[in-house]
């Protein structure tokens, strides 16, 4: 039988040692062995095959069932709020750049007239906007 530490000992060491690796993580991002975009694009077929295989095996649903809502809430509340605030603050310029083309489409789209609240003809306004935005993708 192979000798191995307990899961709690392994997890404790991982949680204690891994945060000290932040400089290595940063260095790897700044100077990757292989260009990220090139390697990622080259992996597209493997990614597609993996996602299809996982979907066909129902692994997404199995993972959700295994984790459950309580785990999702616990982990998300433990780290999410601080990361959310920081991430949104940092992402402002990227958000503007990414949304700008759609904003321009919205501005240039001529909508049909608005009718009274609940009038089914108002759905035509939604249809016109949805089609314009879809064409802009």
Protein backbone atom coordinates (compact mmCIF):
# COMPACT_ATOMS: atom_id res chain seq x y z
CA UNK A 1 0.00 0.00 0.00
CA UNK A 2 1.38 3.41 -0.94
CA UNK A 3 2.23 5.78 1.90
CA UNK A 4 0.52 9.16 1.58
CA UNK A 5 -0.42 11.93 3.99
CA UNK A 6 -4.05 12.43 4.96
CA UNK A 7 -6.26 14.63 2.82
CA UNK A 8 -6.43 17.21 5.62
CA UNK A 9 -2.60 17.35 5.88
CA UNK A 10 -2.27 17.74 2.11
CA UNK A 11 -4.94 20.46 2.05
CA UNK A 12 -3.38 22.31 4.98
CA UNK A 13 0.02 22.41 3.28
CA UNK A 14 -1.52 23.46 -0.03
CA UNK A 15 -3.44 26.31 1.65
CA UNK A 16 -0.33 27.41 3.57
CA UNK A 17 2.26 27.17 0.75
CA UNK A 18 0.36 28.06 -2.41
CA UNK A 19 -0.37 31.73 -1.54
CA UNK A 20 3.40 32.25 -1.33
CA UNK A 21 3.59 31.36 -5.02
CA UNK A 22 1.86 34.56 -6.16
CA UNK A 23 5.13 36.00 -7.55
CA UNK A 24 5.67 32.79 -9.58
CA UNK A 25 2.10 33.05 -10.87
CA UNK A 26 2.67 36.65 -11.91
CA UNK A 27 6.01 35.83 -13.56
CA UNK A 28 4.40 33.03 -15.54
CA UNK A 29 1.77 35.41 -16.86
CA UNK A 30 4.32 38.05 -17.80
CA UNK A 31 6.63 35.58 -19.52
CA UNK A 32 4.77 32.45 -20.63
CA UNK A 33 6.64 29.54 -22.20
CA UNK A 34 4.19 29.65 -25.13
CA UNK A 35 2.10 32.60 -26.31
CA UNK A 36 -1.31 32.29 -24.62
CA UNK A 37 -3.42 33.32 -27.62
CA UNK A 38 -1.60 31.01 -30.05
CA UNK A 39 -1.75 28.00 -27.71
CA UNK A 40 -5.37 28.63 -26.76
CA UNK A 41 -6.50 29.01 -30.36
CA UNK A 42 -4.63 25.81 -31.27
CA UNK A 43 -6.57 23.98 -28.54
CA UNK A 44 -9.99 24.97 -29.89
CA UNK A 45 -10.83 21.55 -31.34
CA UNK A 46 -9.77 19.78 -28.14
CA UNK A 47 -11.82 22.25 -26.09
CA UNK A 48 -14.88 21.67 -28.27
CA UNK A 49 -14.49 17.89 -28.05
CA UNK A 50 -14.09 18.04 -24.28
CA UNK A 51 -17.15 20.22 -23.78
CA UNK A 52 -19.26 17.99 -26.04
CA UNK A 53 -18.04 14.86 -24.23
CA UNK A 54 -18.77 16.39 -20.82
CA UNK A 55 -22.22 17.53 -21.96
CA UNK A 56 -23.04 14.11 -23.39
CA UNK A 57 -22.03 12.50 -20.09
CA UNK A 58 -24.11 14.97 -18.04
CA UNK A 59 -21.07 16.11 -16.08
CA UNK A 60 -22.22 19.72 -15.71
CA UNK A 61 -25.40 18.69 -13.92
CA UNK A 62 -23.55 16.09 -11.86
CA UNK A 63 -21.09 18.75 -10.70
CA UNK A 64 -23.90 21.12 -9.75
CA UNK A 65 -25.64 18.36 -7.81
CA UNK A 66 -22.42 17.39 -6.05
CA UNK A 67 -21.59 20.96 -5.01
CA UNK A 68 -25.10 22.10 -4.14
CA UNK A 69 -26.34 25.58 -3.40
CA UNK A 70 -24.82 25.74 0.09
CA UNK A 71 -21.25 25.21 -1.19
CA UNK A 72 -21.76 27.73 -3.98
CA UNK A 73 -23.03 30.34 -1.51
CA UNK A 74 -20.32 29.66 1.08
CA UNK A 75 -17.42 29.88 -1.38
CA UNK A 76 -18.85 32.80 -3.30
CA UNK A 77 -19.56 34.87 -0.20
CA UNK A 78 -16.09 34.09 1.20
CA UNK A 79 -14.20 35.56 -1.77
CA UNK A 80 -16.69 37.02 -4.22
CA UNK A 81 -17.66 40.44 -2.87
CA UNK A 82 -14.08 41.76 -2.61
CA UNK A 83 -13.11 40.32 -5.98
CA UNK A 84 -16.30 41.64 -7.54
CA UNK A 85 -15.65 45.21 -6.42
CA UNK A 86 -11.98 45.11 -7.41
CA UNK A 87 -12.71 43.41 -10.72
CA UNK A 88 -15.41 45.87 -11.71
CA UNK A 89 -13.19 48.83 -10.83
CA UNK A 90 -10.32 47.50 -12.91
CA UNK A 91 -12.56 46.46 -15.81
CA UNK A 92 -14.10 49.89 -16.47
CA UNK A 93 -12.06 50.71 -19.59
CA UNK A 94 -12.47 47.19 -21.00
CA UNK A 95 -16.22 47.37 -20.39
CA UNK A 96 -16.42 50.65 -22.25
CA UNK A 97 -14.42 49.29 -25.18
CA UNK A 98 -16.44 46.07 -25.34
CA UNK A 99 -19.84 47.74 -25.03
CA UNK A 100 -19.16 50.72 -27.31
CA UNK A 101 -20.01 48.94 -30.60
CA UNK A 102 -23.37 47.81 -29.19
CA UNK A 103 -24.08 51.24 -27.75
CA UNK A 104 -23.50 52.69 -31.22
CA UNK A 105 -25.88 50.15 -32.76
CA UNK A 106 -28.55 51.03 -30.19
CA UNK A 107 -28.10 54.74 -30.91
CA UNK A 108 -28.39 54.25 -34.69
CA UNK A 109 -31.39 51.90 -34.59
CA UNK A 110 -34.71 53.44 -35.55
CA UNK A 111 -37.47 51.89 -33.50
CA UNK A 112 -41.11 51.65 -34.55
CA UNK A 113 -43.59 53.75 -32.57
CA UNK A 114 -44.33 52.95 -28.95
CA UNK A 115 -47.89 52.10 -28.06
CA UNK A 116 -49.67 52.00 -24.70
CA UNK A 117 -48.39 49.74 -21.93
CA UNK A 118 -49.19 46.12 -22.63
CA UNK A 119 -49.95 46.66 -26.31
CA UNK A 120 -48.60 43.61 -28.18
CA UNK A 121 -47.33 45.86 -30.98
CA UNK A 122 -44.58 47.03 -28.60
CA UNK A 123 -42.91 43.64 -29.08
CA UNK A 124 -41.97 44.85 -32.57
CA UNK A 125 -39.64 47.37 -30.89
CA UNK A 126 -37.89 44.53 -29.08
CA UNK A 127 -37.65 42.52 -32.30
CA UNK A 128 -36.09 45.43 -34.22
CA UNK A 129 -33.49 46.03 -31.49
CA UNK A 130 -32.69 42.33 -31.09
CA UNK A 131 -32.15 41.94 -34.84
CA UNK A 132 -29.93 45.04 -35.02
CA UNK A 133 -27.78 43.88 -32.10
CA UNK A 134 -27.52 40.35 -33.48
CA UNK A 135 -26.34 41.65 -36.86
CA UNK A 136 -23.68 43.67 -35.07
CA UNK A 137 -22.05 40.63 -33.48
